[in-house]
Every structure is written in C-alpha cells, then in structure tokens.
Amino acid sequence: MIKEPVSKFVKIRCPKCRNEQITFGKSATKVNCLVCGKVLVEPTGGKSKIKARILEILD
C-alpha cells in the first residue's frame, strides 16, 4: 500500500499586486511574487508560513 503525501500544492494571491501563483505547502525556500517580488511564503522547517491569501488547495 502506497501512502498519500501529506503536503499539497496551494494556489495563493499576492496581497500587493493580486497575482495568482501555485506553491508547495512545505516549501524549503522563500517564494517571491513573480510580478512585484514581494515575499509570499517563508520556510519554517515544516509547513510554510504563507503571507498571502490562500485561494485553493490542489490535490
């Protein structure tokens, strides 16, 4: 039996420019907005600290 991964991909929206991006829920690096450069996700060693609005959790 194969276990399903615990973390998912997350669709987020930048609070500054409203750009939508998809990121990993347990990101190991900072994720910046591709348009304005604002930091959207910071790693914490486990689940990431998301500094943007979560729109959808993808399977």
N, C-alpha and C. Protein backbone atom coordinates (compact mmCIF):
# COMPACT_ATOMS: atom_id res chain seq x y z
N MET A 1 0.83 -1.17 0.00
CA MET A 1 0.00 0.00 0.00
C MET A 1 0.89 1.25 0.00
N ILE A 2 0.62 2.17 -0.92
CA ILE A 2 1.41 3.39 -1.03
C ILE A 2 0.69 4.51 -0.30
N LYS A 3 1.45 5.22 0.58
CA LYS A 3 0.86 6.33 1.33
C LYS A 3 0.72 7.56 0.46
N GLU A 4 -0.33 8.33 0.70
CA GLU A 4 -0.55 9.59 0.01
C GLU A 4 0.30 10.66 0.67
N PRO A 5 0.89 11.59 -0.10
CA PRO A 5 1.70 12.65 0.51
C PRO A 5 0.86 13.53 1.43
N VAL A 6 1.49 14.02 2.50
CA VAL A 6 0.79 14.83 3.50
C VAL A 6 0.61 16.26 2.99
N SER A 7 1.60 16.81 2.33
CA SER A 7 1.53 18.20 1.88
C SER A 7 0.91 18.30 0.49
N LYS A 8 0.32 19.42 0.22
CA LYS A 8 -0.35 19.66 -1.06
C LYS A 8 0.20 20.93 -1.70
N PHE A 9 -0.17 21.14 -2.96
CA PHE A 9 0.11 22.40 -3.63
C PHE A 9 -1.00 23.38 -3.27
N VAL A 10 -0.65 24.67 -3.19
CA VAL A 10 -1.59 25.69 -2.75
C VAL A 10 -1.59 26.83 -3.78
N LYS A 11 -2.77 27.27 -4.18
CA LYS A 11 -2.89 28.44 -5.06
C LYS A 11 -3.07 29.65 -4.17
N ILE A 12 -2.19 30.65 -4.32
CA ILE A 12 -2.22 31.84 -3.47
C ILE A 12 -2.30 33.11 -4.33
N ARG A 13 -2.73 34.22 -3.70
CA ARG A 13 -2.83 35.52 -4.38
C ARG A 13 -1.99 36.53 -3.62
N CYS A 14 -1.15 37.25 -4.34
CA CYS A 14 -0.30 38.29 -3.76
C CYS A 14 -1.18 39.43 -3.25
N PRO A 15 -0.98 39.88 -2.00
CA PRO A 15 -1.79 40.97 -1.47
C PRO A 15 -1.45 42.33 -2.08
N LYS A 16 -0.27 42.44 -2.69
CA LYS A 16 0.17 43.72 -3.25
C LYS A 16 -0.33 43.92 -4.69
N CYS A 17 -0.08 42.94 -5.57
CA CYS A 17 -0.42 43.11 -6.99
C CYS A 17 -1.53 42.17 -7.46
N ARG A 18 -2.01 41.28 -6.59
CA ARG A 18 -3.11 40.36 -6.85
C ARG A 18 -2.77 39.29 -7.89
N ASN A 19 -1.50 39.04 -8.11
CA ASN A 19 -1.06 37.97 -8.99
C ASN A 19 -1.32 36.63 -8.32
N GLU A 20 -1.77 35.63 -9.08
CA GLU A 20 -2.02 34.30 -8.54
C GLU A 20 -0.87 33.37 -8.92
N GLN A 21 -0.43 32.58 -7.93
CA GLN A 21 0.66 31.62 -8.13
C GLN A 21 0.31 30.31 -7.44
N ILE A 22 1.00 29.26 -7.84
CA ILE A 22 0.88 27.96 -7.18
C ILE A 22 2.21 27.66 -6.52
N THR A 23 2.15 27.25 -5.24
CA THR A 23 3.36 26.93 -4.49
C THR A 23 3.13 25.65 -3.70
N PHE A 24 4.20 25.10 -3.14
CA PHE A 24 4.12 23.88 -2.34
C PHE A 24 3.87 24.25 -0.89
N GLY A 25 3.03 23.50 -0.21
CA GLY A 25 2.66 23.79 1.17
C GLY A 25 3.80 23.66 2.16
N LYS A 26 4.83 22.89 1.83
CA LYS A 26 6.00 22.73 2.69
C LYS A 26 7.25 23.18 1.95
N SER A 27 7.24 24.39 1.49
CA SER A 27 8.35 24.94 0.71
C SER A 27 9.61 25.05 1.57
N ALA A 28 10.76 24.72 1.00
CA ALA A 28 12.04 24.78 1.71
C ALA A 28 12.77 26.10 1.46
N THR A 29 12.26 26.92 0.55
CA THR A 29 12.88 28.20 0.24
C THR A 29 11.81 29.30 0.23
N LYS A 30 12.27 30.55 0.26
CA LYS A 30 11.34 31.68 0.15
C LYS A 30 10.72 31.68 -1.24
N VAL A 31 9.45 32.04 -1.30
CA VAL A 31 8.76 32.17 -2.59
C VAL A 31 8.37 33.63 -2.74
N ASN A 32 8.86 34.26 -3.80
CA ASN A 32 8.54 35.66 -4.09
C ASN A 32 7.50 35.72 -5.19
N CYS A 33 6.72 36.80 -5.18
CA CYS A 33 5.76 37.06 -6.25
C CYS A 33 6.53 37.23 -7.55
N LEU A 34 6.05 36.61 -8.61
CA LEU A 34 6.73 36.69 -9.90
C LEU A 34 6.57 38.05 -10.57
N VAL A 35 5.58 38.84 -10.13
CA VAL A 35 5.33 40.15 -10.74
C VAL A 35 6.02 41.27 -9.95
N CYS A 36 5.73 41.37 -8.64
CA CYS A 36 6.22 42.51 -7.86
C CYS A 36 7.40 42.16 -6.94
N GLY A 37 7.67 40.88 -6.71
CA GLY A 37 8.82 40.48 -5.91
C GLY A 37 8.58 40.38 -4.41
N LYS A 38 7.35 40.63 -3.94
CA LYS A 38 7.03 40.54 -2.51
C LYS A 38 7.15 39.09 -2.03
N VAL A 39 7.68 38.89 -0.81
CA VAL A 39 7.82 37.55 -0.24
C VAL A 39 6.42 37.04 0.12
N LEU A 40 6.04 35.90 -0.45
CA LEU A 40 4.72 35.31 -0.21
C LEU A 40 4.77 34.13 0.74
N VAL A 41 5.87 33.37 0.72
CA VAL A 41 5.99 32.16 1.54
C VAL A 41 7.38 32.11 2.15
N GLU A 42 7.42 31.81 3.46
CA GLU A 42 8.70 31.64 4.15
C GLU A 42 8.75 30.24 4.76
N PRO A 43 9.89 29.55 4.64
CA PRO A 43 10.01 28.21 5.23
C PRO A 43 10.12 28.29 6.75
N THR A 44 9.61 27.28 7.44
CA THR A 44 9.69 27.24 8.91
C THR A 44 10.26 25.92 9.41
N GLY A 45 10.62 25.03 8.51
CA GLY A 45 11.12 23.71 8.90
C GLY A 45 10.04 22.65 8.78
N GLY A 46 8.81 23.04 8.63
CA GLY A 46 7.68 22.13 8.43
C GLY A 46 6.77 22.77 7.41
N LYS A 47 5.54 23.02 7.83
CA LYS A 47 4.63 23.75 6.95
C LYS A 47 5.12 25.18 6.81
N SER A 48 4.99 25.73 5.63
CA SER A 48 5.47 27.09 5.36
C SER A 48 4.53 28.14 5.93
N LYS A 49 5.11 29.31 6.24
CA LYS A 49 4.31 30.45 6.68
C LYS A 49 3.89 31.21 5.43
N ILE A 50 2.60 31.19 5.13
CA ILE A 50 2.08 31.82 3.92
C ILE A 50 1.60 33.22 4.25
N LYS A 51 2.17 34.21 3.56
CA LYS A 51 1.84 35.62 3.80
C LYS A 51 0.94 36.16 2.70
N ALA A 52 0.17 35.32 2.08
CA ALA A 52 -0.73 35.70 1.01
C ALA A 52 -2.07 35.02 1.24
N ARG A 53 -3.06 35.41 0.46
CA ARG A 53 -4.38 34.81 0.59
C ARG A 53 -4.40 33.46 -0.10
N ILE A 54 -4.86 32.43 0.60
CA ILE A 54 -4.98 31.10 0.03
C ILE A 54 -6.29 31.03 -0.73
N LEU A 55 -6.20 30.72 -2.02
CA LEU A 55 -7.39 30.64 -2.87
C LEU A 55 -7.93 29.21 -2.95
N GLU A 56 -7.01 28.25 -3.02
CA GLU A 56 -7.43 26.87 -3.26
C GLU A 56 -6.30 25.93 -2.84
N ILE A 57 -6.66 24.76 -2.33
CA ILE A 57 -5.70 23.71 -2.05
C ILE A 57 -5.89 22.65 -3.13
N LEU A 58 -4.83 22.38 -3.87
CA LEU A 58 -4.89 21.49 -5.02
C LEU A 58 -4.51 20.07 -4.61
N ASP A 59 -5.11 19.10 -5.27
CA ASP A 59 -4.80 17.68 -5.00
C ASP A 59 -3.64 17.20 -5.83
